[in-house]
């Protein structure tokens, strides 16, 4: 596995993200917490052979989880929103 494949963990496929993909040409990925915007840009460009215009990243706080009487929290994770250049798409988005 290349170093670029270790930056991107998984695509995020939700209804809101699907609308962003169709309307604004933005794709959402779950990435490593240590990954920078430059790392994400280089990984997406090399894996999918597209040109990236912008990358926005954010830390998503873990939700409260409960199992019986035990209460805990899911782990925090990092999300990256990648805007592609006009006319560019990722064909097999769910297959990272």
C-alpha atoms as a PDB file:
ATOM      1  CA  UNK A   1       0.000   0.000   0.000  1.00  0.00           C
ATOM      2  CA  UNK A   2       1.370   3.424  -0.923  1.00  0.00           C
ATOM      3  CA  UNK A   3       1.756   6.293   1.507  1.00  0.00           C
ATOM      4  CA  UNK A   4      -1.160   8.057  -0.216  1.00  0.00           C
ATOM      5  CA  UNK A   5      -3.537   5.189   0.536  1.00  0.00           C
ATOM      6  CA  UNK A   6      -2.665   5.457   4.228  1.00  0.00           C
ATOM      7  CA  UNK A   7      -3.791   9.129   4.362  1.00  0.00           C
ATOM      8  CA  UNK A   8      -7.365   8.486   3.198  1.00  0.00           C
ATOM      9  CA  UNK A   9      -9.252   6.072   5.443  1.00  0.00           C
ATOM     10  CA  UNK A  10     -12.666   5.949   3.731  1.00  0.00           C
ATOM     11  CA  UNK A  11     -15.097   7.983   1.663  1.00  0.00           C
ATOM     12  CA  UNK A  12     -18.013   9.504   3.538  1.00  0.00           C
ATOM     13  CA  UNK A  13     -21.255   8.671   1.766  1.00  0.00           C
ATOM     14  CA  UNK A  14     -24.299  10.399   3.230  1.00  0.00           C
ATOM     15  CA  UNK A  15     -27.273  12.143   1.684  1.00  0.00           C
ATOM     16  CA  UNK A  16     -25.783  15.579   2.348  1.00  0.00           C
ATOM     17  CA  UNK A  17     -22.404  14.556   0.911  1.00  0.00           C
ATOM     18  CA  UNK A  18     -24.084  13.102  -2.184  1.00  0.00           C
ATOM     19  CA  UNK A  19     -25.828  16.437  -2.785  1.00  0.00           C
ATOM     20  CA  UNK A  20     -22.501  18.268  -2.363  1.00  0.00           C
ATOM     21  CA  UNK A  21     -20.945  15.927  -4.904  1.00  0.00           C
ATOM     22  CA  UNK A  22     -23.708  16.562  -7.456  1.00  0.00           C
ATOM     23  CA  UNK A  23     -24.175  20.324  -6.954  1.00  0.00           C
ATOM     24  CA  UNK A  24     -20.757  21.675  -5.947  1.00  0.00           C
ATOM     25  CA  UNK A  25     -18.300  18.982  -7.170  1.00  0.00           C
ATOM     26  CA  UNK A  26     -17.070  18.409  -3.584  1.00  0.00           C
ATOM     27  CA  UNK A  27     -16.110  15.009  -2.200  1.00  0.00           C
ATOM     28  CA  UNK A  28     -15.875  14.101   1.498  1.00  0.00           C
ATOM     29  CA  UNK A  29     -13.319  11.683   2.968  1.00  0.00           C
ATOM     30  CA  UNK A  30     -12.421  10.427   6.412  1.00  0.00           C
ATOM     31  CA  UNK A  31      -8.667  10.985   6.759  1.00  0.00           C
ATOM     32  CA  UNK A  32      -5.979  10.366   9.358  1.00  0.00           C
ATOM     33  CA  UNK A  33      -5.877  12.827  12.253  1.00  0.00           C
ATOM     34  CA  UNK A  34      -2.245  13.702  11.445  1.00  0.00           C
ATOM     35  CA  UNK A  35      -2.929  14.454   7.763  1.00  0.00           C
ATOM     36  CA  UNK A  36      -2.492  18.023   6.557  1.00  0.00           C
ATOM     37  CA  UNK A  37      -4.385  19.704   3.721  1.00  0.00           C
ATOM     38  CA  UNK A  38      -1.355  19.237   1.470  1.00  0.00           C
ATOM     39  CA  UNK A  39      -1.213  15.520   2.301  1.00  0.00           C
ATOM     40  CA  UNK A  40      -4.902  15.110   1.449  1.00  0.00           C
ATOM     41  CA  UNK A  41      -4.525  17.051  -1.813  1.00  0.00           C
ATOM     42  CA  UNK A  42      -1.534  14.983  -2.943  1.00  0.00           C
ATOM     43  CA  UNK A  43      -3.271  11.717  -1.998  1.00  0.00           C
ATOM     44  CA  UNK A  44      -6.504  12.504  -3.882  1.00  0.00           C
ATOM     45  CA  UNK A  45      -4.616  13.739  -6.958  1.00  0.00           C
ATOM     46  CA  UNK A  46      -2.387  10.664  -7.132  1.00  0.00           C
ATOM     47  CA  UNK A  47      -5.037   8.020  -6.336  1.00  0.00           C
ATOM     48  CA  UNK A  48      -7.857   9.334  -8.549  1.00  0.00           C
ATOM     49  CA  UNK A  49      -5.871  11.252 -11.236  1.00  0.00           C
ATOM     50  CA  UNK A  50      -7.820  14.510 -10.785  1.00  0.00           C
ATOM     51  CA  UNK A  51      -6.815  18.094 -10.015  1.00  0.00           C
ATOM     52  CA  UNK A  52      -7.861  19.488  -6.639  1.00  0.00           C
ATOM     53  CA  UNK A  53      -8.787  23.164  -6.225  1.00  0.00           C
ATOM     54  CA  UNK A  54      -9.320  23.336  -2.458  1.00  0.00           C
ATOM     55  CA  UNK A  55      -9.252  21.192   0.671  1.00  0.00           C
ATOM     56  CA  UNK A  56     -11.100  21.970   3.898  1.00  0.00           C
ATOM     57  CA  UNK A  57     -10.496  19.851   6.998  1.00  0.00           C
ATOM     58  CA  UNK A  58     -12.211  19.603  10.359  1.00  0.00           C
ATOM     59  CA  UNK A  59     -12.179  17.468  13.486  1.00  0.00           C
ATOM     60  CA  UNK A  60     -15.516  15.771  14.130  1.00  0.00           C
ATOM     61  CA  UNK A  61     -16.168  15.183  17.822  1.00  0.00           C
ATOM     62  CA  UNK A  62     -17.113  11.653  18.886  1.00  0.00           C
ATOM     63  CA  UNK A  63     -20.707  11.046  19.920  1.00  0.00           C
ATOM     64  CA  UNK A  64     -21.828   9.724  23.286  1.00  0.00           C
ATOM     65  CA  UNK A  65     -22.404   5.968  23.146  1.00  0.00           C
ATOM     66  CA  UNK A  66     -24.123   3.781  25.687  1.00  0.00           C
ATOM     67  CA  UNK A  67     -24.098   0.014  26.214  1.00  0.00           C
ATOM     68  CA  UNK A  68     -26.314  -0.967  29.112  1.00  0.00           C
ATOM     69  CA  UNK A  69     -25.262   1.118  32.118  1.00  0.00           C
ATOM     70  CA  UNK A  70     -21.852   1.948  30.681  1.00  0.00           C
ATOM     71  CA  UNK A  71     -21.490   5.325  28.988  1.00  0.00           C
ATOM     72  CA  UNK A  72     -18.571   6.292  26.783  1.00  0.00           C
ATOM     73  CA  UNK A  73     -17.660   8.272  23.715  1.00  0.00           C
ATOM     74  CA  UNK A  74     -16.800   7.247  20.177  1.00  0.00           C
ATOM     75  CA  UNK A  75     -13.434   8.514  19.026  1.00  0.00           C
ATOM     76  CA  UNK A  76     -12.907  11.877  17.342  1.00  0.00           C
ATOM     77  CA  UNK A  77     -12.087  11.741  13.616  1.00  0.00           C
ATOM     78  CA  UNK A  78     -10.934  14.075  10.880  1.00  0.00           C
ATOM     79  CA  UNK A  79     -13.024  14.909   7.822  1.00  0.00           C
ATOM     80  CA  UNK A  80     -11.715  16.439   4.594  1.00  0.00           C
ATOM     81  CA  UNK A  81     -13.910  18.155   2.002  1.00  0.00           C
ATOM     82  CA  UNK A  82     -12.155  18.202  -1.379  1.00  0.00           C
ATOM     83  CA  UNK A  83     -13.273  20.501  -4.220  1.00  0.00           C
ATOM     84  CA  UNK A  84     -12.263  19.291  -7.669  1.00  0.00           C
ATOM     85  CA  UNK A  85     -11.611  21.427 -10.726  1.00  0.00           C
ATOM     86  CA  UNK A  86     -14.489  22.013 -13.124  1.00  0.00           C
ATOM     87  CA  UNK A  87     -15.218  19.035 -15.370  1.00  0.00           C
ATOM     88  CA  UNK A  88     -13.381  16.566 -13.107  1.00  0.00           C
ATOM     89  CA  UNK A  89     -15.140  13.720 -11.293  1.00  0.00           C
ATOM     90  CA  UNK A  90     -14.215  10.636  -9.307  1.00  0.00           C
ATOM     91  CA  UNK A  91     -15.904   7.727 -11.073  1.00  0.00           C
ATOM     92  CA  UNK A  92     -15.567   4.966  -8.466  1.00  0.00           C
ATOM     93  CA  UNK A  93     -15.973   7.119  -5.349  1.00  0.00           C
ATOM     94  CA  UNK A  94     -17.038   4.352  -2.958  1.00  0.00           C
ATOM     95  CA  UNK A  95     -14.014   2.178  -3.820  1.00  0.00           C
ATOM     96  CA  UNK A  96     -11.041   3.811  -2.097  1.00  0.00           C
END
